[in-house]
Amino acid sequence: MSQILIVEPGEYAVCQLDAGEPLPSWLPTAPFWTVTRAADELSIICSAEAVPFESSHESGWRLLRMAGPFPFDLTGILESVLAPLAAADVGILAVSTFNTDYVLVKHTRLPAAVTALRAAGHVVRES
């Protein structure tokens, strides 16, 4: 199942805050951010430039957006992208939304990710 992936500009960070903290004032309004609150943490993925230095975070991620939307009953979409990345030893973070999926890879592994995805028959282009 061939997919189209768009490499979005910029660097992203994954941040961890205490579970009970409110959304931080530094949370950007664009271009992409996501928040997950769990019982033991508040995780935020957003533009690295927005994150305060002293916060608990890991930066250096690049964002690949899968061209959607995808019906909810369609299976194997994300797996078709993740399997070639795993075979190429490229670690990922995956985020799903109502319309599509996003895959983050470390910026140092982006060339290997693009090569692996193209070899698997996917189309990868810059935003």
N, C-alpha and C. Protein backbone atom coordinates (compact mmCIF):
# COMPACT_ATOMS: atom_id res chain seq x y z
N MET A 1 0.85 -1.17 0.00
CA MET A 1 0.00 0.00 0.00
C MET A 1 0.89 1.24 0.00
N SER A 2 0.99 1.89 -1.14
CA SER A 2 1.85 3.06 -1.29
C SER A 2 1.19 4.28 -0.64
N GLN A 3 2.00 5.05 0.07
CA GLN A 3 1.52 6.25 0.75
C GLN A 3 2.30 7.47 0.27
N ILE A 4 1.71 8.64 0.44
CA ILE A 4 2.41 9.90 0.22
C ILE A 4 2.71 10.49 1.58
N LEU A 5 3.98 10.81 1.81
CA LEU A 5 4.39 11.43 3.07
C LEU A 5 5.03 12.78 2.76
N ILE A 6 4.71 13.77 3.56
CA ILE A 6 5.25 15.10 3.39
C ILE A 6 6.12 15.42 4.59
N VAL A 7 7.39 15.78 4.32
CA VAL A 7 8.31 16.17 5.39
C VAL A 7 8.02 17.63 5.70
N GLU A 8 7.48 17.88 6.88
CA GLU A 8 7.13 19.23 7.29
C GLU A 8 8.39 19.99 7.72
N PRO A 9 8.41 21.29 7.52
CA PRO A 9 9.60 22.07 7.91
C PRO A 9 9.74 22.18 9.42
N GLY A 10 10.95 22.42 9.86
CA GLY A 10 11.20 22.71 11.26
C GLY A 10 11.56 21.49 12.08
N GLU A 11 12.00 21.80 13.28
CA GLU A 11 12.39 20.78 14.25
C GLU A 11 11.34 20.72 15.35
N TYR A 12 11.08 19.51 15.84
CA TYR A 12 10.08 19.31 16.87
C TYR A 12 10.70 18.75 18.14
N ALA A 13 10.00 18.92 19.24
CA ALA A 13 10.45 18.41 20.53
C ALA A 13 9.30 17.63 21.17
N VAL A 14 9.68 16.65 21.97
CA VAL A 14 8.73 15.89 22.77
C VAL A 14 8.98 16.30 24.22
N CYS A 15 7.95 16.79 24.86
CA CYS A 15 8.08 17.34 26.21
C CYS A 15 7.27 16.51 27.20
N GLN A 16 7.78 16.45 28.42
CA GLN A 16 7.07 15.74 29.48
C GLN A 16 6.90 16.68 30.67
N LEU A 17 5.66 16.82 31.10
CA LEU A 17 5.33 17.62 32.27
C LEU A 17 4.63 16.73 33.27
N ASP A 18 4.48 17.21 34.49
CA ASP A 18 3.75 16.46 35.51
C ASP A 18 2.29 16.29 35.09
N ALA A 19 1.71 15.20 35.49
CA ALA A 19 0.35 14.84 35.06
C ALA A 19 -0.68 15.92 35.36
N GLY A 20 -0.57 16.58 36.49
CA GLY A 20 -1.58 17.55 36.89
C GLY A 20 -1.35 18.97 36.41
N GLU A 21 -0.26 19.21 35.70
CA GLU A 21 0.03 20.57 35.26
C GLU A 21 -0.97 21.05 34.22
N PRO A 22 -1.26 22.35 34.24
CA PRO A 22 -2.12 22.89 33.19
C PRO A 22 -1.31 23.00 31.89
N LEU A 23 -1.99 23.25 30.79
CA LEU A 23 -1.26 23.46 29.53
C LEU A 23 -0.36 24.68 29.71
N PRO A 24 0.89 24.57 29.29
CA PRO A 24 1.84 25.66 29.51
C PRO A 24 1.55 26.87 28.62
N SER A 25 1.92 28.04 29.10
CA SER A 25 1.70 29.27 28.34
C SER A 25 2.58 29.33 27.09
N TRP A 26 3.68 28.56 27.07
CA TRP A 26 4.58 28.60 25.91
C TRP A 26 4.10 27.71 24.76
N LEU A 27 3.02 26.97 24.96
CA LEU A 27 2.52 26.08 23.92
C LEU A 27 2.21 26.90 22.67
N PRO A 28 2.83 26.56 21.53
CA PRO A 28 2.61 27.37 20.32
C PRO A 28 1.22 27.13 19.74
N THR A 29 0.80 28.06 18.90
CA THR A 29 -0.49 27.92 18.24
C THR A 29 -0.37 27.33 16.85
N ALA A 30 0.84 27.23 16.33
CA ALA A 30 1.05 26.69 14.97
C ALA A 30 2.49 26.21 14.88
N PRO A 31 2.91 25.46 13.93
CA PRO A 31 2.11 24.89 12.86
C PRO A 31 1.50 23.53 13.25
N PHE A 32 2.13 22.80 14.16
CA PHE A 32 1.63 21.49 14.59
C PHE A 32 1.97 21.33 16.05
N TRP A 33 1.02 20.87 16.81
CA TRP A 33 1.27 20.48 18.19
C TRP A 33 0.20 19.51 18.62
N THR A 34 0.55 18.68 19.57
CA THR A 34 -0.40 17.72 20.10
C THR A 34 -0.11 17.53 21.59
N VAL A 35 -1.16 17.30 22.33
CA VAL A 35 -1.06 17.13 23.78
C VAL A 35 -1.75 15.82 24.16
N THR A 36 -1.09 15.05 25.02
CA THR A 36 -1.70 13.84 25.56
C THR A 36 -1.56 13.87 27.07
N ARG A 37 -2.70 13.78 27.74
CA ARG A 37 -2.67 13.71 29.19
C ARG A 37 -2.96 12.26 29.58
N ALA A 38 -2.06 11.70 30.38
CA ALA A 38 -2.23 10.34 30.90
C ALA A 38 -2.20 10.42 32.43
N ALA A 39 -2.43 9.31 33.07
CA ALA A 39 -2.47 9.29 34.54
C ALA A 39 -1.15 9.74 35.15
N ASP A 40 -0.04 9.48 34.46
CA ASP A 40 1.27 9.77 35.05
C ASP A 40 2.08 10.85 34.34
N GLU A 41 1.51 11.49 33.31
CA GLU A 41 2.26 12.54 32.62
C GLU A 41 1.37 13.36 31.70
N LEU A 42 1.90 14.50 31.32
CA LEU A 42 1.35 15.34 30.28
C LEU A 42 2.44 15.42 29.21
N SER A 43 2.17 14.89 28.03
CA SER A 43 3.16 14.90 26.96
C SER A 43 2.74 15.88 25.88
N ILE A 44 3.70 16.62 25.39
CA ILE A 44 3.45 17.62 24.35
C ILE A 44 4.48 17.42 23.24
N ILE A 45 4.01 17.42 22.01
CA ILE A 45 4.90 17.45 20.85
C ILE A 45 4.61 18.77 20.15
N CYS A 46 5.66 19.56 19.95
CA CYS A 46 5.48 20.87 19.33
C CYS A 46 6.81 21.36 18.75
N SER A 47 6.76 22.51 18.15
CA SER A 47 7.96 23.13 17.59
C SER A 47 9.04 23.26 18.67
N ALA A 48 10.24 22.82 18.37
CA ALA A 48 11.33 22.84 19.36
C ALA A 48 11.65 24.25 19.82
N GLU A 49 11.48 25.22 18.95
CA GLU A 49 11.83 26.60 19.31
C GLU A 49 10.91 27.18 20.37
N ALA A 50 9.74 26.59 20.57
CA ALA A 50 8.80 27.09 21.58
C ALA A 50 9.09 26.58 22.98
N VAL A 51 9.87 25.51 23.09
CA VAL A 51 10.06 24.83 24.37
C VAL A 51 11.15 25.52 25.21
N PRO A 52 10.83 25.86 26.46
CA PRO A 52 11.85 26.45 27.33
C PRO A 52 12.98 25.46 27.60
N PHE A 53 14.18 25.96 27.65
CA PHE A 53 15.37 25.13 27.83
C PHE A 53 15.27 24.26 29.07
N GLU A 54 14.73 24.80 30.15
CA GLU A 54 14.73 24.08 31.43
C GLU A 54 13.66 22.99 31.53
N SER A 55 12.79 22.90 30.55
CA SER A 55 11.74 21.87 30.62
C SER A 55 12.31 20.50 30.27
N SER A 56 11.62 19.46 30.73
CA SER A 56 12.03 18.09 30.42
C SER A 56 11.56 17.78 28.99
N HIS A 57 12.52 17.68 28.07
CA HIS A 57 12.15 17.46 26.67
C HIS A 57 13.31 16.83 25.89
N GLU A 58 12.96 16.31 24.74
CA GLU A 58 13.97 15.83 23.79
C GLU A 58 13.63 16.45 22.44
N SER A 59 14.57 17.23 21.94
CA SER A 59 14.34 17.89 20.65
C SER A 59 15.07 17.12 19.55
N GLY A 60 15.05 17.66 18.35
CA GLY A 60 15.75 17.03 17.23
C GLY A 60 14.88 16.10 16.41
N TRP A 61 13.57 16.25 16.47
CA TRP A 61 12.65 15.41 15.72
C TRP A 61 12.18 16.12 14.46
N ARG A 62 11.96 15.35 13.40
CA ARG A 62 11.35 15.86 12.16
C ARG A 62 10.00 15.19 11.98
N LEU A 63 9.09 15.91 11.37
CA LEU A 63 7.70 15.49 11.25
C LEU A 63 7.37 15.09 9.81
N LEU A 64 6.88 13.87 9.63
CA LEU A 64 6.38 13.41 8.34
C LEU A 64 4.87 13.25 8.44
N ARG A 65 4.16 13.95 7.58
CA ARG A 65 2.70 13.89 7.57
C ARG A 65 2.25 12.95 6.45
N MET A 66 1.44 12.00 6.80
CA MET A 66 0.88 11.10 5.80
C MET A 66 -0.32 11.79 5.16
N ALA A 67 -0.35 11.78 3.83
CA ALA A 67 -1.44 12.45 3.11
C ALA A 67 -2.73 11.67 3.31
N GLY A 68 -3.64 12.21 4.06
CA GLY A 68 -4.93 11.59 4.31
C GLY A 68 -6.00 12.41 3.64
N PRO A 69 -7.23 12.27 4.05
CA PRO A 69 -7.71 11.48 5.18
C PRO A 69 -7.84 10.01 4.85
N PHE A 70 -7.89 9.21 5.90
CA PHE A 70 -8.03 7.77 5.79
C PHE A 70 -9.31 7.34 6.50
N PRO A 71 -10.08 6.45 5.89
CA PRO A 71 -11.26 5.92 6.59
C PRO A 71 -10.82 5.13 7.83
N PHE A 72 -11.62 5.17 8.86
CA PHE A 72 -11.28 4.48 10.10
C PHE A 72 -11.20 2.97 9.94
N ASP A 73 -11.92 2.41 8.98
CA ASP A 73 -11.91 0.96 8.82
C ASP A 73 -10.82 0.45 7.87
N LEU A 74 -10.02 1.35 7.32
CA LEU A 74 -8.91 0.95 6.46
C LEU A 74 -7.76 0.49 7.34
N THR A 75 -7.25 -0.70 7.10
CA THR A 75 -6.20 -1.26 7.95
C THR A 75 -4.86 -1.28 7.23
N GLY A 76 -3.78 -1.28 8.01
CA GLY A 76 -2.44 -1.44 7.47
C GLY A 76 -1.77 -0.17 7.00
N ILE A 77 -2.41 0.96 7.13
CA ILE A 77 -1.85 2.22 6.63
C ILE A 77 -0.55 2.57 7.36
N LEU A 78 -0.64 2.66 8.65
CA LEU A 78 0.53 3.03 9.45
C LEU A 78 1.58 1.93 9.39
N GLU A 79 1.17 0.69 9.40
CA GLU A 79 2.12 -0.43 9.34
C GLU A 79 2.93 -0.39 8.05
N SER A 80 2.32 0.03 6.95
CA SER A 80 3.03 0.08 5.68
C SER A 80 4.18 1.08 5.70
N VAL A 81 4.11 2.04 6.60
CA VAL A 81 5.18 3.03 6.75
C VAL A 81 6.15 2.61 7.85
N LEU A 82 5.62 2.09 8.94
CA LEU A 82 6.48 1.75 10.08
C LEU A 82 7.36 0.53 9.82
N ALA A 83 6.89 -0.44 9.08
CA ALA A 83 7.69 -1.65 8.82
C ALA A 83 9.00 -1.32 8.09
N PRO A 84 8.99 -0.53 7.01
CA PRO A 84 10.27 -0.20 6.37
C PRO A 84 11.19 0.62 7.28
N LEU A 85 10.60 1.46 8.12
CA LEU A 85 11.44 2.25 9.04
C LEU A 85 12.07 1.35 10.08
N ALA A 86 11.32 0.39 10.60
CA ALA A 86 11.88 -0.56 11.57
C ALA A 86 12.99 -1.38 10.93
N ALA A 87 12.78 -1.82 9.69
CA ALA A 87 13.80 -2.61 8.99
C ALA A 87 15.07 -1.80 8.76
N ALA A 88 14.93 -0.48 8.64
CA ALA A 88 16.09 0.39 8.44
C ALA A 88 16.65 0.90 9.76
N ASP A 89 16.14 0.38 10.88
CA ASP A 89 16.59 0.76 12.22
C ASP A 89 16.37 2.26 12.51
N VAL A 90 15.22 2.76 12.06
CA VAL A 90 14.84 4.15 12.30
C VAL A 90 13.75 4.16 13.37
N GLY A 91 14.07 4.70 14.53
CA GLY A 91 13.10 4.83 15.60
C GLY A 91 12.08 5.90 15.28
N ILE A 92 10.87 5.76 15.80
CA ILE A 92 9.79 6.69 15.47
C ILE A 92 8.96 7.06 16.69
N LEU A 93 8.21 8.11 16.53
CA LEU A 93 7.07 8.45 17.38
C LEU A 93 5.90 8.59 16.42
N ALA A 94 4.78 7.99 16.71
CA ALA A 94 3.62 8.08 15.83
C ALA A 94 2.48 8.80 16.55
N VAL A 95 1.77 9.63 15.80
CA VAL A 95 0.62 10.37 16.31
C VAL A 95 -0.49 10.25 15.28
N SER A 96 -1.67 9.91 15.74
CA SER A 96 -2.81 9.83 14.84
C SER A 96 -3.83 10.91 15.18
N THR A 97 -4.48 11.43 14.13
CA THR A 97 -5.55 12.40 14.30
C THR A 97 -6.80 11.85 13.60
N PHE A 98 -7.84 12.61 13.57
CA PHE A 98 -9.08 12.17 12.94
C PHE A 98 -8.84 11.87 11.45
N ASN A 99 -8.04 12.69 10.77
CA ASN A 99 -7.84 12.57 9.32
C ASN A 99 -6.63 11.77 8.89
N THR A 100 -5.57 11.76 9.69
CA THR A 100 -4.32 11.19 9.18
C THR A 100 -3.41 10.73 10.30
N ASP A 101 -2.23 10.31 9.90
CA ASP A 101 -1.19 9.89 10.84
C ASP A 101 0.06 10.73 10.59
N TYR A 102 0.81 10.93 11.66
CA TYR A 102 2.09 11.64 11.60
C TYR A 102 3.15 10.71 12.17
N VAL A 103 4.33 10.76 11.58
CA VAL A 103 5.45 9.97 12.06
C VAL A 103 6.61 10.93 12.29
N LEU A 104 7.17 10.90 13.48
CA LEU A 104 8.35 11.71 13.78
C LEU A 104 9.57 10.82 13.83
N VAL A 105 10.66 11.29 13.23
CA VAL A 105 11.94 10.59 13.26
C VAL A 105 13.01 11.59 13.70
N LYS A 106 14.05 11.11 14.32
CA LYS A 106 15.14 12.01 14.70
C LYS A 106 15.75 12.61 13.43
N HIS A 107 16.13 13.88 13.51
CA HIS A 107 16.64 14.58 12.32
C HIS A 107 17.87 13.89 11.74
N THR A 108 18.65 13.25 12.58
CA THR A 108 19.85 12.55 12.10
C THR A 108 19.49 11.30 11.30
N ARG A 109 18.27 10.79 11.49
CA ARG A 109 17.83 9.58 10.79
C ARG A 109 16.88 9.88 9.63
N LEU A 110 16.61 11.16 9.39
CA LEU A 110 15.69 11.52 8.31
C LEU A 110 16.16 11.01 6.94
N PRO A 111 17.44 11.17 6.56
CA PRO A 111 17.86 10.63 5.26
C PRO A 111 17.63 9.12 5.15
N ALA A 112 17.94 8.37 6.19
CA ALA A 112 17.72 6.92 6.17
C ALA A 112 16.23 6.61 6.09
N ALA A 113 15.41 7.40 6.79
CA ALA A 113 13.97 7.19 6.75
C ALA A 113 13.42 7.42 5.35
N VAL A 114 13.83 8.50 4.72
CA VAL A 114 13.37 8.81 3.36
C VAL A 114 13.79 7.72 2.39
N THR A 115 15.03 7.28 2.49
CA THR A 115 15.54 6.22 1.61
C THR A 115 14.73 4.94 1.79
N ALA A 116 14.48 4.55 3.04
CA ALA A 116 13.73 3.31 3.32
C ALA A 116 12.30 3.41 2.83
N LEU A 117 11.67 4.57 3.03
CA LEU A 117 10.28 4.74 2.61
C LEU A 117 10.16 4.70 1.08
N ARG A 118 11.07 5.37 0.41
CA ARG A 118 11.04 5.35 -1.06
C ARG A 118 11.31 3.95 -1.61
N ALA A 119 12.23 3.23 -0.98
CA ALA A 119 12.53 1.86 -1.41
C ALA A 119 11.32 0.95 -1.23
N ALA A 120 10.45 1.28 -0.28
CA ALA A 120 9.24 0.50 -0.03
C ALA A 120 8.08 0.93 -0.94
N GLY A 121 8.34 1.89 -1.83
CA GLY A 121 7.32 2.30 -2.79
C GLY A 121 6.51 3.53 -2.40
N HIS A 122 6.88 4.17 -1.30
CA HIS A 122 6.17 5.38 -0.87
C HIS A 122 6.74 6.60 -1.56
N VAL A 123 5.92 7.64 -1.65
CA VAL A 123 6.35 8.93 -2.18
C VAL A 123 6.63 9.83 -1.00
N VAL A 124 7.83 10.41 -0.96
CA VAL A 124 8.21 11.31 0.12
C VAL A 124 8.62 12.62 -0.51
N ARG A 125 8.01 13.71 -0.05
CA ARG A 125 8.36 15.03 -0.58
C ARG A 125 8.39 16.06 0.53
N GLU A 126 9.07 17.15 0.25
CA GLU A 126 9.15 18.26 1.21
C GLU A 126 7.85 19.06 1.18
N SER A 127 7.53 19.68 2.28
CA SER A 127 6.31 20.50 2.39
C SER A 127 6.42 21.70 1.48
